C-alpha cells in the first residue's frame, strides 16, 4: 500500500482531500512517516496535530487569518505586538501592480496563501522580472492546502507582499527560532540554522538545555548561543499563541531586534519526518487536545 501511496501526486492528493480530508490525511501521513496514524486516540505529536487540522483548524476563520502572511499582521497588532512586525513595502493583488522602482535593493516577495512561495532579491540573487512574474502567477493560481490537507489555507486570498529581507552580518539567512506553544505557553524552541547550506535543527528547553527531539540526520552539530533577549521572545510567543491548542510561533533576531516570522499550525503538514521517537513522544505529551474523539 505504501508504494501505491508514494506514487500519488499532488493532484491526486488534492482530489482525495476534496472528497475526504480524513482519508487524504491518513494517506499523506503514511507516505511521509511510513506509519498509519492513530486518530481515535492520538498520542504522538504528528498524530495530535493531524487531529487538530481535521477537527479544529480545518474550518476556523481565525486560524485561516493567522495562516495568511498578510492578514496575520492585524492579528499581531491586536495582540499588542505591533513592534515586532517586519517592515512591509507593499501588498498587491497582481504582479503587475508592483512598482519595482520603489522597492529597495534587497527584499522578499511572498505569496500570502501558502508555504515556500518566496522570491529573495539580494546581491546574490538579482531580480529576473519575467521569471518572477511566471512563478508568482503560477503560485497564485494554486489552491494551496488541498494537496496537504491543510484546509486553513484554502480560504486565503492569494495576494503578494514585499517585505524587508532579513540576513545576518555575513549576508546569510538568520537563525529561525520556532517556539512550540500550547494555549499561551511556550514549551520549547526549535532553532533552524545553516539554511544557506543544508538545514539543521536544534531543540532547546526554555533554560537553553539541548533536547533530543530531532533525528540525528537532521541535527546540528553546533551549539547555538542562547539569545540575550530569549525571555522577551518567550513573552511574545505566549501572547500570540493564547487560545490555540497548538501553534508554532516563528521569530527572528535581526541584530538583536525581535522580528515576527509567521504562525504555523500544522508543521510539515502535520507529518514532519524530522522528529526523533523521543521528540514525537514528549511533544505529544505537551499537547492536550480538547473534545478528542
Protein backbone atom coordinates (compact mmCIF):
# COMPACT_ATOMS: atom_id res chain seq x y z
CA UNK A 1 0.00 0.00 0.00
CA UNK A 2 2.85 2.38 0.85
CA UNK A 3 4.28 2.02 -2.67
CA UNK A 4 0.89 2.92 -4.13
CA UNK A 5 0.58 5.98 -1.89
CA UNK A 6 4.09 7.15 -2.83
CA UNK A 7 3.08 7.18 -6.49
CA UNK A 8 0.19 9.53 -5.77
CA UNK A 9 0.94 13.05 -6.99
CA UNK A 10 -0.16 16.39 -5.58
CA UNK A 11 -3.14 16.46 -7.91
CA UNK A 12 -4.36 13.09 -6.67
CA UNK A 13 -3.99 14.07 -3.03
CA UNK A 14 -5.86 17.31 -3.73
CA UNK A 15 -8.70 15.40 -5.39
CA UNK A 16 -8.95 12.95 -2.50
CA UNK A 17 -8.98 15.82 0.00
CA UNK A 18 -11.99 17.39 -1.71
CA UNK A 19 -13.85 14.10 -1.22
CA UNK A 20 -12.48 13.05 2.19
CA UNK A 21 -9.87 15.10 4.07
CA UNK A 22 -9.68 12.30 6.63
CA UNK A 23 -8.63 9.70 4.06
CA UNK A 24 -6.21 12.10 2.38
CA UNK A 25 -4.56 12.99 5.70
CA UNK A 26 -4.07 9.35 6.62
CA UNK A 27 -2.53 8.53 3.24
CA UNK A 28 -0.22 11.55 3.37
CA UNK A 29 0.81 10.60 6.91
CA UNK A 30 1.63 7.07 5.74
CA UNK A 31 3.65 8.33 2.80
CA UNK A 32 5.75 10.76 4.83
CA UNK A 33 6.24 8.87 8.11
CA UNK A 34 5.76 5.24 6.96
CA UNK A 35 3.19 4.86 9.75
CA UNK A 36 -0.59 4.69 9.80
CA UNK A 37 -1.86 7.39 12.18
CA UNK A 38 -3.96 6.68 15.24
CA UNK A 39 -6.54 9.47 15.11
CA UNK A 40 -9.07 7.93 17.52
CA UNK A 41 -6.70 8.16 20.46
CA UNK A 42 -3.73 10.15 19.09
CA UNK A 43 -0.56 10.02 21.15
CA UNK A 44 2.35 11.34 19.08
CA UNK A 45 2.78 14.99 18.17
CA UNK A 46 2.24 14.36 14.47
CA UNK A 47 -0.94 12.43 15.23
CA UNK A 48 -2.29 15.14 17.51
CA UNK A 49 -1.62 17.98 15.09
CA UNK A 50 -3.21 15.88 12.34
CA UNK A 51 -6.26 15.51 14.58
CA UNK A 52 -6.29 19.28 15.06
CA UNK A 53 -6.10 20.04 11.37
CA UNK A 54 -9.06 17.74 10.70
CA UNK A 55 -11.24 18.68 13.67
CA UNK A 56 -10.35 22.22 14.72
CA UNK A 57 -8.19 24.12 12.28
CA UNK A 58 -9.96 22.97 9.10
CA UNK A 59 -12.92 25.36 9.49
CA UNK A 60 -11.52 28.02 11.81
CA UNK A 61 -11.60 31.57 10.44
CA UNK A 62 -9.08 32.86 12.97
CA UNK A 63 -6.61 30.12 12.08
CA UNK A 64 -7.05 30.96 8.39
CA UNK A 65 -6.39 34.64 9.14
CA UNK A 66 -3.27 33.76 11.08
CA UNK A 67 -2.03 31.47 8.31
CA UNK A 68 -2.37 34.36 5.83
CA UNK A 69 1.02 36.06 5.61
CA UNK A 70 -0.60 39.48 5.22
CA UNK A 71 -3.78 39.21 7.32
CA UNK A 72 -1.79 37.87 10.29
CA UNK A 73 -0.27 41.32 10.70
CA UNK A 74 -3.54 42.74 12.05
CA UNK A 75 -3.77 39.80 14.48
CA UNK A 76 -0.24 40.52 15.73
CA UNK A 77 -1.20 44.18 16.22
CA UNK A 78 -4.35 43.27 18.16
CA UNK A 79 -2.28 41.08 20.46
CA UNK A 80 -0.15 44.11 21.31
CA UNK A 81 2.91 43.02 19.35
CA UNK A 82 2.97 45.55 16.50
CA UNK A 83 6.59 46.46 17.20
CA UNK A 84 7.87 43.03 16.09
CA UNK A 85 6.28 43.09 12.64
CA UNK A 86 8.73 43.01 9.77
CA UNK A 87 8.90 46.12 7.57
CA UNK A 88 6.28 45.88 4.81
CA UNK A 89 6.97 47.59 1.49
CA UNK A 90 3.70 46.73 -0.23
CA UNK A 91 0.78 44.36 -0.72
CA UNK A 92 -0.58 43.58 -4.19
CA UNK A 93 -3.40 41.61 -5.75
CA UNK A 94 -1.48 41.14 -9.00
CA UNK A 95 2.18 41.11 -10.04
CA UNK A 96 1.51 43.97 -12.49
CA UNK A 97 0.79 46.28 -9.53
CA UNK A 98 4.36 46.06 -8.19
CA UNK A 99 6.45 49.17 -8.82
CA UNK A 100 9.95 47.76 -8.56
CA UNK A 101 11.46 51.25 -8.75
CA UNK A 102 10.01 51.96 -5.30
CA UNK A 103 11.47 48.83 -3.69
CA UNK A 104 14.92 48.76 -2.05
CA UNK A 105 17.83 46.78 -3.45
CA UNK A 106 17.09 43.80 -1.18
CA UNK A 107 13.65 42.43 -0.29
CA UNK A 108 11.48 39.33 -0.34
CA UNK A 109 8.36 38.73 -2.40
CA UNK A 110 5.88 36.30 -0.85
CA UNK A 111 2.51 34.91 -1.81
CA UNK A 112 0.22 35.10 1.18
CA UNK A 113 -1.77 31.88 0.81
CA UNK A 114 0.74 29.05 1.28
CA UNK A 115 4.25 27.89 2.11
CA UNK A 116 7.50 28.17 0.14
CA UNK A 117 6.05 30.81 -2.18
CA UNK A 118 9.04 33.13 -1.73
CA UNK A 119 11.44 35.00 -4.00
CA UNK A 120 14.52 36.51 -2.33
CA UNK A 121 16.10 39.51 -4.03
CA UNK A 122 19.60 40.39 -2.81
CA UNK A 123 23.11 40.88 -4.15
CA UNK A 124 23.48 37.14 -4.75
CA UNK A 125 20.01 36.77 -6.27
CA UNK A 126 19.21 39.72 -8.54
CA UNK A 127 15.63 40.00 -9.74
CA UNK A 128 14.66 38.48 -13.06
CA UNK A 129 11.26 40.13 -13.52
CA UNK A 130 9.96 37.73 -16.16
CA UNK A 131 10.94 34.64 -14.16
CA UNK A 132 9.41 36.14 -11.02
CA UNK A 133 6.20 37.01 -12.87
CA UNK A 134 5.78 33.45 -14.15
CA UNK A 135 6.46 31.92 -10.72
CA UNK A 136 4.12 34.18 -8.81
CA UNK A 137 1.26 33.95 -11.29
CA UNK A 138 1.61 30.15 -11.22
CA UNK A 139 1.58 30.19 -7.41
CA UNK A 140 -1.45 32.47 -7.26
CA UNK A 141 -3.44 30.03 -9.39
CA UNK A 142 -2.73 27.18 -6.99
CA UNK A 143 -5.30 26.38 -4.30
CA UNK A 144 -2.75 25.67 -1.61
CA UNK A 145 -3.91 23.38 1.17
CA UNK A 146 -5.76 20.66 -0.70
CA UNK A 147 -2.69 18.59 -1.55
CA UNK A 148 -1.52 18.68 2.08
CA UNK A 149 -4.98 18.60 3.72
CA UNK A 150 -4.23 21.93 5.40
CA UNK A 151 -7.64 23.43 4.79
CA UNK A 152 -6.86 26.55 6.82
CA UNK A 153 -5.07 27.81 3.68
CA UNK A 154 -7.90 27.23 1.21
CA UNK A 155 -9.89 30.36 2.13
CA UNK A 156 -6.91 32.72 1.94
CA UNK A 157 -6.91 35.34 -0.81
CA UNK A 158 -3.74 34.82 -2.93
CA UNK A 159 -2.04 38.20 -2.64
CA UNK A 160 1.61 39.22 -2.87
CA UNK A 161 3.63 41.09 -0.25
CA UNK A 162 7.07 42.68 -0.40
CA UNK A 163 8.94 42.67 2.91
CA UNK A 164 12.35 43.60 4.26
CA UNK A 165 14.96 40.94 3.60
CA UNK A 166 16.47 39.69 6.84
CA UNK A 167 20.06 38.47 6.93
CA UNK A 168 22.89 38.22 9.44
CA UNK A 169 26.10 40.26 9.39
CA UNK A 170 27.58 37.80 6.88
CA UNK A 171 24.66 38.20 4.50
CA UNK A 172 23.29 34.76 5.28
CA UNK A 173 19.81 33.76 6.41
CA UNK A 174 19.40 34.46 10.14
CA UNK A 175 18.63 31.86 12.78
CA UNK A 176 14.95 31.00 12.89
CA UNK A 177 13.54 30.49 16.41
CA UNK A 178 10.35 28.41 16.32
CA UNK A 179 8.52 28.30 19.65
CA UNK A 180 6.22 25.33 20.24
CA UNK A 181 3.30 26.84 22.14
CA UNK A 182 0.25 25.29 23.76
CA UNK A 183 -2.54 27.76 24.54
CA UNK A 184 -0.36 30.67 25.54
CA UNK A 185 2.56 28.72 27.00
CA UNK A 186 5.83 28.25 25.15
CA UNK A 187 7.14 24.75 25.88
CA UNK A 188 10.38 24.59 23.88
CA UNK A 189 12.08 26.16 20.88
CA UNK A 190 13.37 24.74 17.62
CA UNK A 191 16.32 26.62 16.15
CA UNK A 192 16.79 26.29 12.39
CA UNK A 193 20.33 27.01 11.27
CA UNK A 194 22.68 26.61 8.30
CA UNK A 195 19.80 27.21 5.89
CA UNK A 196 22.12 28.57 3.20
CA UNK A 197 23.85 25.17 3.06
CA UNK A 198 21.81 22.29 4.47
CA UNK A 199 19.08 22.94 7.01
CA UNK A 200 19.99 21.79 10.52
CA UNK A 201 17.76 21.60 13.59
CA UNK A 202 18.37 22.06 17.32
CA UNK A 203 15.71 21.81 20.05
CA UNK A 204 16.14 23.59 23.38
CA UNK A 205 14.08 23.96 26.51
CA UNK A 206 13.44 27.47 27.82
CA UNK A 207 16.51 27.27 30.09
CA UNK A 208 18.51 26.59 26.92
CA UNK A 209 19.33 22.96 27.58
CA UNK A 210 19.59 20.83 24.43
CA UNK A 211 16.69 18.43 23.86
CA UNK A 212 16.92 15.15 21.86
CA UNK A 213 13.82 15.92 19.81
CA UNK A 214 15.24 15.76 16.28
CA UNK A 215 16.61 12.80 14.38
CA UNK A 216 20.38 12.51 14.14
CA UNK A 217 20.31 13.05 10.38
CA UNK A 218 18.68 16.47 10.89
CA UNK A 219 20.61 17.52 13.97
CA UNK A 220 23.06 20.42 14.08
CA UNK A 221 26.47 19.62 15.50
CA UNK A 222 26.90 23.23 16.56
CA UNK A 223 25.94 24.71 19.90
CA UNK A 224 23.62 27.66 19.36
CA UNK A 225 24.18 30.54 21.75
CA UNK A 226 21.25 31.43 23.98
CA UNK A 227 19.69 34.69 22.69
CA UNK A 228 20.16 37.58 25.09
CA UNK A 229 16.52 38.52 24.62
CA UNK A 230 15.14 34.97 24.97
CA UNK A 231 12.84 35.96 27.83
CA UNK A 232 11.25 38.65 25.67
CA UNK A 233 10.87 36.24 22.77
CA UNK A 234 9.07 33.79 25.05
CA UNK A 235 6.73 36.59 26.19
CA UNK A 236 5.82 37.43 22.60
CA UNK A 237 5.26 33.75 21.79
CA UNK A 238 2.92 33.43 24.77
CA UNK A 239 0.87 36.46 23.71
CA UNK A 240 0.48 35.28 20.13
CA UNK A 241 -0.38 31.67 20.97
CA UNK A 242 -3.08 32.26 23.59
CA UNK A 243 -6.31 30.45 22.72
CA UNK A 244 -4.81 27.95 20.27
CA UNK A 245 -4.31 24.32 21.43
CA UNK A 246 -1.07 24.41 19.47
CA UNK A 247 0.68 26.93 17.29
CA UNK A 248 4.33 27.35 16.46
CA UNK A 249 5.39 30.99 16.76
CA UNK A 250 8.32 31.69 14.43
CA UNK A 251 10.57 34.61 15.34
CA UNK A 252 13.87 36.07 14.13
CA UNK A 253 16.55 38.10 15.83
CA UNK A 254 17.63 40.86 13.45
CA UNK A 255 20.83 42.10 15.10
CA UNK A 256 19.14 41.89 18.49
CA UNK A 257 15.72 43.12 17.33
CA UNK A 258 12.92 40.56 17.55
CA UNK A 259 11.06 40.15 14.25
CA UNK A 260 7.87 38.17 13.72
CA UNK A 261 8.06 35.44 11.07
CA UNK A 262 4.77 33.56 10.96
CA UNK A 263 2.33 31.37 12.87
CA UNK A 264 2.43 27.70 11.91
CA UNK A 265 -0.42 25.41 12.99
CA UNK A 266 0.47 22.22 11.13
CA UNK A 267 4.28 21.91 10.84
CA UNK A 268 5.28 19.98 7.72
CA UNK A 269 1.55 19.35 7.12
CA UNK A 270 1.39 17.50 10.48
CA UNK A 271 3.56 14.62 9.37
CA UNK A 272 7.04 16.00 9.90
CA UNK A 273 9.77 13.41 9.27
CA UNK A 274 12.43 15.05 11.43
CA UNK A 275 11.24 14.25 14.97
CA UNK A 276 13.08 11.60 16.94
CA UNK A 277 11.00 8.99 18.78
CA UNK A 278 11.61 10.92 21.99
CA UNK A 279 10.60 14.16 20.32
CA UNK A 280 7.34 12.72 18.98
CA UNK A 281 6.56 11.30 22.42
CA UNK A 282 7.42 14.33 24.56
CA UNK A 283 5.90 16.93 22.24
CA UNK A 284 2.79 14.75 22.06
CA UNK A 285 2.56 14.75 25.86
CA UNK A 286 2.74 18.55 25.91
CA UNK A 287 -0.23 18.92 23.57
CA UNK A 288 -3.61 18.35 25.22
CA UNK A 289 -6.50 18.02 22.80
CA UNK A 290 -9.94 19.40 23.53
CA UNK A 291 -13.04 17.36 22.71
CA UNK A 292 -10.93 14.47 21.46
CA UNK A 293 -12.99 11.76 19.80
